PDB file of N, CA and C in Angstrom:
ATOM      1  N   MET A   1      72.273 216.897  30.735  1.00  0.00           N
ATOM      2  CA  MET A   1      71.876 215.913  29.911  1.00  0.00           C
ATOM      3  C   MET A   1      70.422 214.949  30.470  1.00  0.00           C
ATOM      4  N   GLU A   2      69.769 215.063  31.697  1.00  0.00           N
ATOM      5  CA  GLU A   2      68.487 214.880  31.969  1.00  0.00           C
ATOM      6  C   GLU A   2      67.670 215.085  30.775  1.00  0.00           C
ATOM      7  N   GLU A   3      67.445 216.303  30.489  1.00  0.00           N
ATOM      8  CA  GLU A   3      66.134 216.625  29.270  1.00  0.00           C
ATOM      9  C   GLU A   3      66.448 215.513  28.189  1.00  0.00           C
ATOM     10  N   LEU A   4      67.788 215.490  27.331  1.00  0.00           N
ATOM     11  CA  LEU A   4      67.844 214.933  26.826  1.00  0.00           C
ATOM     12  C   LEU A   4      67.526 213.562  26.742  1.00  0.00           C
ATOM     13  N   ALA A   5      68.111 212.998  28.100  1.00  0.00           N
ATOM     14  CA  ALA A   5      67.242 211.502  28.052  1.00  0.00           C
ATOM     15  C   ALA A   5      66.221 211.288  28.386  1.00  0.00           C
ATOM     16  N   ALA A   6      65.218 212.396  28.741  1.00  0.00           N
ATOM     17  CA  ALA A   6      63.966 212.117  29.052  1.00  0.00           C
ATOM     18  C   ALA A   6      63.401 212.385  27.373  1.00  0.00           C
ATOM     19  N   SER A   7      64.129 213.012  26.752  1.00  0.00           N
ATOM     20  CA  SER A   7      63.637 213.225  25.302  1.00  0.00           C
ATOM     21  C   SER A   7      63.510 211.791  24.365  1.00  0.00           C
ATOM     22  N   ILE A   8      65.085 211.171  24.924  1.00  0.00           N
ATOM     23  CA  ILE A   8      65.086 210.089  23.804  1.00  0.00           C
ATOM     24  C   ILE A   8      64.133 208.807  24.172  1.00  0.00           C
ATOM     25  N   GLY A   9      64.030 209.121  25.406  1.00  0.00           N
ATOM     26  CA  GLY A   9      63.111 208.050  26.548  1.00  0.00           C
ATOM     27  C   GLY A   9      61.640 208.382  25.667  1.00  0.00           C
ATOM     28  N   SER A  10      61.001 209.625  25.566  1.00  0.00           N
ATOM     29  CA  SER A  10      59.927 209.669  25.202  1.00  0.00           C
ATOM     30  C   SER A  10      59.803 209.285  23.917  1.00  0.00           C
ATOM     31  N   ASN A  11      60.586 209.212  22.972  1.00  0.00           N
ATOM     32  CA  ASN A  11      60.352 209.051  21.428  1.00  0.00           C
ATOM     33  C   ASN A  11      60.585 207.828  20.885  1.00  0.00           C
ATOM     34  N   MET A  12      61.033 206.931  22.308  1.00  0.00           N
ATOM     35  CA  MET A  12      61.378 205.458  22.090  1.00  0.00           C
ATOM     36  C   MET A  12      59.991 204.726  21.536  1.00  0.00           C
ATOM     37  N   GLY A  13      58.845 205.140  22.130  1.00  0.00           N
ATOM     38  CA  GLY A  13      57.666 204.347  22.087  1.00  0.00           C
ATOM     39  C   GLY A  13      57.066 204.332  20.925  1.00  0.00           C
ATOM     40  N   ARG A  14      57.398 205.805  19.739  1.00  0.00           N
ATOM     41  CA  ARG A  14      56.499 206.415  18.956  1.00  0.00           C
ATOM     42  C   ARG A  14      56.663 205.384  17.618  1.00  0.00           C
ATOM     43  N   ASN A  15      58.041 204.827  17.577  1.00  0.00           N
ATOM     44  CA  ASN A  15      58.594 204.308  16.586  1.00  0.00           C
ATOM     45  C   ASN A  15      58.583 203.107  16.940  1.00  0.00           C
ATOM     46  N   ALA A  16      57.792 202.077  18.129  1.00  0.00           N
ATOM     47  CA  ALA A  16      58.404 200.845  18.009  1.00  0.00           C
ATOM     48  C   ALA A  16      58.495 199.628  17.570  1.00  0.00           C
ATOM     49  N   ASN A  17      57.154 199.691  16.401  1.00  0.00           N
ATOM     50  CA  ASN A  17      56.747 198.799  15.639  1.00  0.00           C
ATOM     51  C   ASN A  17      57.693 198.929  14.558  1.00  0.00           C
ATOM     52  N   SER A  18      58.253 200.092  14.161  1.00  0.00           N
ATOM     53  CA  SER A  18      59.008 199.651  12.760  1.00  0.00           C
ATOM     54  C   SER A  18      60.772 199.512  13.557  1.00  0.00           C
ATOM     55  N   GLN A  19      61.038 199.716  14.460  1.00  0.00           N
ATOM     56  CA  GLN A  19      62.681 199.534  15.394  1.00  0.00           C
ATOM     57  C   GLN A  19      62.755 198.359  15.539  1.00  0.00           C
ATOM     58  N   GLN A  20      63.728 197.144  15.405  1.00  0.00           N
ATOM     59  CA  GLN A  20      64.353 196.039  15.379  1.00  0.00           C
ATOM     60  C   GLN A  20      65.302 196.194  16.879  1.00  0.00           C
ATOM     61  N   THR A  21      65.223 195.171  17.739  1.00  0.00           N
ATOM     62  CA  THR A  21      66.445 195.400  18.644  1.00  0.00           C
ATOM     63  C   THR A  21      66.927 194.065  18.710  1.00  0.00           C
ATOM     64  N   THR A  22      68.003 194.343  18.852  1.00  0.00           N
ATOM     65  CA  THR A  22      68.868 192.823  18.526  1.00  0.00           C
ATOM     66  C   THR A  22      69.764 193.152  19.820  1.00  0.00           C
ATOM     67  N   THR A  23      70.406 191.247  20.481  1.00  0.00           N
ATOM     68  CA  THR A  23      71.555 191.849  21.199  1.00  0.00           C
ATOM     69  C   THR A  23      72.549 190.600  20.918  1.00  0.00           C
ATOM     70  N   GLN A  24      73.443 190.985  21.330  1.00  0.00           N
ATOM     71  CA  GLN A  24      74.914 190.201  20.982  1.00  0.00           C
ATOM     72  C   GLN A  24      75.383 189.832  22.316  1.00  0.00           C
ATOM     73  N   ASP A  25      75.749 189.151  22.415  1.00  0.00           N
ATOM     74  CA  ASP A  25      77.267 188.670  23.409  1.00  0.00           C
ATOM     75  C   ASP A  25      78.544 189.076  23.271  1.00  0.00           C
ATOM     76  N   VAL A  26      79.373 189.810  24.059  1.00  0.00           N
ATOM     77  CA  VAL A  26      80.303 190.124  23.897  1.00  0.00           C
ATOM     78  C   VAL A  26      81.258 190.291  24.786  1.00  0.00           C
ATOM     79  N   ARG A  27      82.302 189.570  24.173  1.00  0.00           N
ATOM     80  CA  ARG A  27      83.768 189.117  25.207  1.00  0.00           C
ATOM     81  C   ARG A  27      85.310 190.294  25.198  1.00  0.00           C
ATOM     82  N   ARG A  28      85.071 191.231  26.206  1.00  0.00           N
ATOM     83  CA  ARG A  28      86.274 192.531  26.104  1.00  0.00           C
ATOM     84  C   ARG A  28      87.806 191.649  26.573  1.00  0.00           C
ATOM     85  N   CYS A  29      88.669 192.024  25.508  1.00  0.00           N
ATOM     86  CA  CYS A  29      89.485 192.084  25.785  1.00  0.00           C
ATOM     87  C   CYS A  29      90.432 192.559  26.884  1.00  0.00           C
ATOM     88  N   GLU A  30      91.234 191.656  27.810  1.00  0.00           N
ATOM     89  CA  GLU A  30      91.556 191.969  29.169  1.00  0.00           C
ATOM     90  C   GLU A  30      93.084 191.979  29.096  1.00  0.00           C
ATOM     91  N   ASN A  31      93.946 192.690  29.994  1.00  0.00           N
ATOM     92  CA  ASN A  31      95.334 192.627  29.906  1.00  0.00           C
ATOM     93  C   ASN A  31      95.477 191.193  30.861  1.00  0.00           C
ATOM     94  N   VAL A  32      96.599 190.274  30.330  1.00  0.00           N
ATOM     95  CA  VAL A  32      96.934 189.477  31.539  1.00  0.00           C
ATOM     96  C   VAL A  32      98.227 189.952  31.718  1.00  0.00           C
ATOM     97  N   PRO A  33      98.631 189.759  33.263  1.00  0.00           N
ATOM     98  CA  PRO A  33     100.074 189.798  33.107  1.00  0.00           C
ATOM     99  C   PRO A  33     100.799 189.084  32.897  1.00  0.00           C
ATOM    100  N   SER A  34     102.095 189.890  32.391  1.00  0.00           N
ATOM    101  CA  SER A  34     103.023 188.818  31.511  1.00  0.00           C
ATOM    102  C   SER A  34     103.597 187.161  31.901  1.00  0.00           C
ATOM    103  N   GLN A  35     104.113 187.575  33.661  1.00  0.00           N
ATOM    104  CA  GLN A  35     104.268 186.253  34.037  1.00  0.00           C
ATOM    105  C   GLN A  35     102.902 185.089  34.401  1.00  0.00           C
ATOM    106  N   ALA A  36     101.931 185.739  33.853  1.00  0.00           N
ATOM    107  CA  ALA A  36     100.933 184.660  33.949  1.00  0.00           C
ATOM    108  C   ALA A  36     101.220 183.467  33.255  1.00  0.00           C
ATOM    109  N   ARG A  37     101.017 182.217  33.676  1.00  0.00           N
ATOM    110  CA  ARG A  37     101.257 181.073  33.037  1.00  0.00           C
ATOM    111  C   ARG A  37      99.415 180.533  32.671  1.00  0.00           C
ATOM    112  N   PRO A  38      99.364 179.738  31.087  1.00  0.00           N
ATOM    113  CA  PRO A  38      98.317 178.944  30.649  1.00  0.00           C
ATOM    114  C   PRO A  38      97.924 178.075  31.297  1.00  0.00           C
ATOM    115  N   GLN A  39      96.412 177.718  31.775  1.00  0.00           N
ATOM    116  CA  GLN A  39      95.832 176.760  32.409  1.00  0.00           C
ATOM    117  C   GLN A  39      96.580 175.001  32.119  1.00  0.00           C
ATOM    118  N   TYR A  40      96.586 175.199  30.786  1.00  0.00           N
ATOM    119  CA  TYR A  40      96.999 174.067  30.072  1.00  0.00           C
ATOM    120  C   TYR A  40      97.907 174.521  28.713  1.00  0.00           C
ATOM    121  N   TRP A  41      98.252 173.798  28.343  1.00  0.00           N
ATOM    122  CA  TRP A  41      98.295 173.454  27.076  1.00  0.00           C
ATOM    123  C   TRP A  41      98.034 172.606  26.010  1.00  0.00           C
ATOM    124  N   GLU A  42      97.497 172.623  24.840  1.00  0.00           N
ATOM    125  CA  GLU A  42      96.461 172.000  24.224  1.00  0.00           C
ATOM    126  C   GLU A  42      97.400 171.618  22.707  1.00  0.00           C
ATOM    127  N   VAL A  43      97.997 170.533  22.615  1.00  0.00           N
ATOM    128  CA  VAL A  43      98.659 169.818  21.879  1.00  0.00           C
ATOM    129  C   VAL A  43      98.365 169.375  20.932  1.00  0.00           C
ATOM    130  N   SER A  44      98.529 169.347  19.563  1.00  0.00           N
ATOM    131  CA  SER A  44      98.333 168.271  18.429  1.00  0.00           C
ATOM    132  C   SER A  44     100.025 167.616  17.973  1.00  0.00           C
ATOM    133  N   TYR A  45      99.980 166.191  17.840  1.00  0.00           N
ATOM    134  CA  TYR A  45     101.216 165.635  17.337  1.00  0.00           C
ATOM    135  C   TYR A  45     100.683 164.547  16.522  1.00  0.00           C
ATOM    136  N   ASP A  46     101.475 164.111  15.561  1.00  0.00           N
ATOM    137  CA  ASP A  46     101.292 163.332  14.340  1.00  0.00           C
ATOM    138  C   ASP A  46     102.137 162.013  15.039  1.00  0.00           C
ATOM    139  N   PHE A  47     101.418 160.662  15.162  1.00  0.00           N
ATOM    140  CA  PHE A  47     102.048 159.262  15.578  1.00  0.00           C
ATOM    141  C   PHE A  47     101.658 158.409  14.699  1.00  0.00           C
ATOM    142  N   ARG A  48     102.736 157.877  14.170  1.00  0.00           N
ATOM    143  CA  ARG A  48     102.291 156.475  13.017  1.00  0.00           C
ATOM    144  C   ARG A  48     101.188 157.504  11.348  1.00  0.00           C
ATOM    145  N   GLY A  49     101.161 158.314  11.614  1.00  0.00           N
ATOM    146  CA  GLY A  49     100.471 158.721  10.419  1.00  0.00           C
ATOM    147  C   GLY A  49      98.757 159.518  11.192  1.00  0.00           C
ATOM    148  N   GLN A  50      98.608 159.569  12.236  1.00  0.00           N
ATOM    149  CA  GLN A  50      97.372 159.880  13.166  1.00  0.00           C
ATOM    150  C   GLN A  50      97.435 160.901  13.986  1.00  0.00           C
ATOM    151  N   GLU A  51      96.464 162.251  13.598  1.00  0.00           N
ATOM    152  CA  GLU A  51      96.898 163.074  14.659  1.00  0.00           C
ATOM    153  C   GLU A  51      96.010 162.816  15.662  1.00  0.00           C
ATOM    154  N   ASN A  52      96.765 163.601  16.452  1.00  0.00           N
ATOM    155  CA  ASN A  52      96.375 163.124  18.197  1.00  0.00           C
ATOM    156  C   ASN A  52      96.396 164.277  18.742  1.00  0.00           C
ATOM    157  N   HIS A  53      95.529 164.125  19.844  1.00  0.00           N
ATOM    158  CA  HIS A  53      95.575 165.512  20.589  1.00  0.00           C
ATOM    159  C   HIS A  53      95.633 165.310  22.146  1.00  0.00           C
ATOM    160  N   VAL A  54      96.266 166.322  22.576  1.00  0.00           N
ATOM    161  CA  VAL A  54      96.363 166.063  24.446  1.00  0.00           C
ATOM    162  C   VAL A  54      96.164 167.576  24.854  1.00  0.00           C
ATOM    163  N   GLN A  55      95.612 167.391  26.252  1.00  0.00           N
ATOM    164  CA  GLN A  55      95.726 168.728  26.942  1.00  0.00           C
ATOM    165  C   GLN A  55      97.112 168.639  28.246  1.00  0.00           C
ATOM    166  N   MET A  56      98.255 169.180  28.142  1.00  0.00           N
ATOM    167  CA  MET A  56      99.081 169.290  28.906  1.00  0.00           C
ATOM    168  C   MET A  56      99.324 170.396  30.019  1.00  0.00           C
ATOM    169  N   THR A  57      99.355 170.095  31.407  1.00  0.00           N
ATOM    170  CA  THR A  57      99.615 171.242  32.680  1.00  0.00           C
ATOM    171  C   THR A  57     101.045 171.728  32.784  1.00  0.00           C
ATOM    172  N   ALA A  58     101.769 171.227  31.770  1.00  0.00           N
ATOM    173  CA  ALA A  58     103.129 171.575  31.619  1.00  0.00           C
ATOM    174  C   ALA A  58     103.612 172.316  30.587  1.00  0.00           C
ATOM    175  N   PRO A  59     104.516 172.657  30.023  1.00  0.00           N
ATOM    176  CA  PRO A  59     104.460 173.150  28.775  1.00  0.00           C
ATOM    177  C   PRO A  59     105.302 171.778  28.186  1.00  0.00           C
ATOM    178  N   PRO A  60     104.938 171.236  26.358  1.00  0.00           N
ATOM    179  CA  PRO A  60     105.103 170.771  26.424  1.00  0.00           C
ATOM    180  C   PRO A  60     106.792 169.880  25.078  1.00  0.00           C
ATOM    181  N   GLY A  61     107.200 171.494  25.337  1.00  0.00           N
ATOM    182  CA  GLY A  61     108.823 171.174  24.560  1.00  0.00           C
ATOM    183  C   GLY A  61     108.350 170.724  22.943  1.00  0.00           C
ATOM    184  N   PRO A  62     110.179 170.426  22.683  1.00  0.00           N
ATOM    185  CA  PRO A  62     109.851 170.454  21.465  1.00  0.00           C
ATOM    186  C   PRO A  62     109.218 169.136  20.966  1.00  0.00           C
ATOM    187  N   THR A  63     109.519 167.996  22.070  1.00  0.00           N
ATOM    188  CA  THR A  63     108.860 166.623  21.675  1.00  0.00           C
ATOM    189  C   THR A  63     107.822 165.824  22.436  1.00  0.00           C
ATOM    190  N   VAL A  64     106.948 165.000  22.359  1.00  0.00           N
ATOM    191  CA  VAL A  64     105.950 165.017  23.404  1.00  0.00           C
ATOM    192  C   VAL A  64     106.469 163.151  23.778  1.00  0.00           C
ATOM    193  N   THR A  65     106.482 162.513  24.505  1.00  0.00           N
ATOM    194  CA  THR A  65     106.755 161.210  24.543  1.00  0.00           C
ATOM    195  C   THR A  65     105.423 160.868  24.811  1.00  0.00           C
ATOM    196  N   VAL A  66     105.782 159.718  24.379  1.00  0.00           N
ATOM    197  CA  VAL A  66     104.539 158.184  24.042  1.00  0.00           C
ATOM    198  C   VAL A  66     104.593 156.714  24.497  1.00  0.00           C
ATOM    199  N   ASN A  67     103.644 156.174  24.412  1.00  0.00           N
ATOM    200  CA  ASN A  67     103.813 155.026  24.787  1.00  0.00           C
ATOM    201  C   ASN A  67     103.405 154.477  23.335  1.00  0.00           C
ATOM    202  N   GLU A  68     103.443 152.489  23.451  1.00  0.00           N
ATOM    203  CA  GLU A  68     103.278 152.253  21.860  1.00  0.00           C
ATOM    204  C   GLU A  68     102.052 152.119  21.108  1.00  0.00           C
ATOM    205  N   ARG A  69     100.930 152.546  21.926  1.00  0.00           N
ATOM    206  CA  ARG A  69     100.113 153.295  20.984  1.00  0.00           C
ATOM    207  C   ARG A  69      99.932 154.375  21.067  1.00  0.00           C
ATOM    208  N   GLY A  70     100.744 155.328  20.774  1.00  0.00           N
ATOM    209  CA  GLY A  70     101.012 156.694  20.820  1.00  0.00           C
ATOM    210  C   GLY A  70     100.196 157.979  21.607  1.00  0.00           C
ATOM    211  N   GLU A  71      99.764 157.304  23.212  1.00  0.00           N
ATOM    212  CA  GLU A  71      99.250 158.110  23.931  1.00  0.00           C
ATOM    213  C   GLU A  71     100.178 158.383  25.033  1.00  0.00           C
ATOM    214  N   PRO A  72      99.931 160.045  25.156  1.00  0.00           N
ATOM    215  CA  PRO A  72     100.977 160.733  26.132  1.00  0.00           C
ATOM    216  C   PRO A  72     101.582 159.543  27.477  1.00  0.00           C
ATOM    217  N   ARG A  73     103.017 159.782  27.641  1.00  0.00           N
ATOM    218  CA  ARG A  73     103.328 159.560  29.101  1.00  0.00           C
ATOM    219  C   ARG A  73     103.317 160.551  30.043  1.00  0.00           C
ATOM    220  N   ARG A  74     102.654 160.674  31.006  1.00  0.00           N
ATOM    221  CA  ARG A  74     102.502 161.140  32.158  1.00  0.00           C
ATOM    222  C   ARG A  74     103.488 161.355  32.978  1.00  0.00           C
TER     223      ARG A  74
END
């Protein structure tokens, strides 16, 4: 294995002008235990024809309670 690595390493510099190197950020998938809870829920809702968004620390359920201006009550 060391001979192969040395061979590849010695050939890398020969064609340095004709090769392009690119980098890319990669995010790996991870396993999450099934009992894990999200840190927050991103919720969208419609109030009097206007779409609103809120982050909630507890599951929102089927409805979101809002005040007279459409702001979520906490």
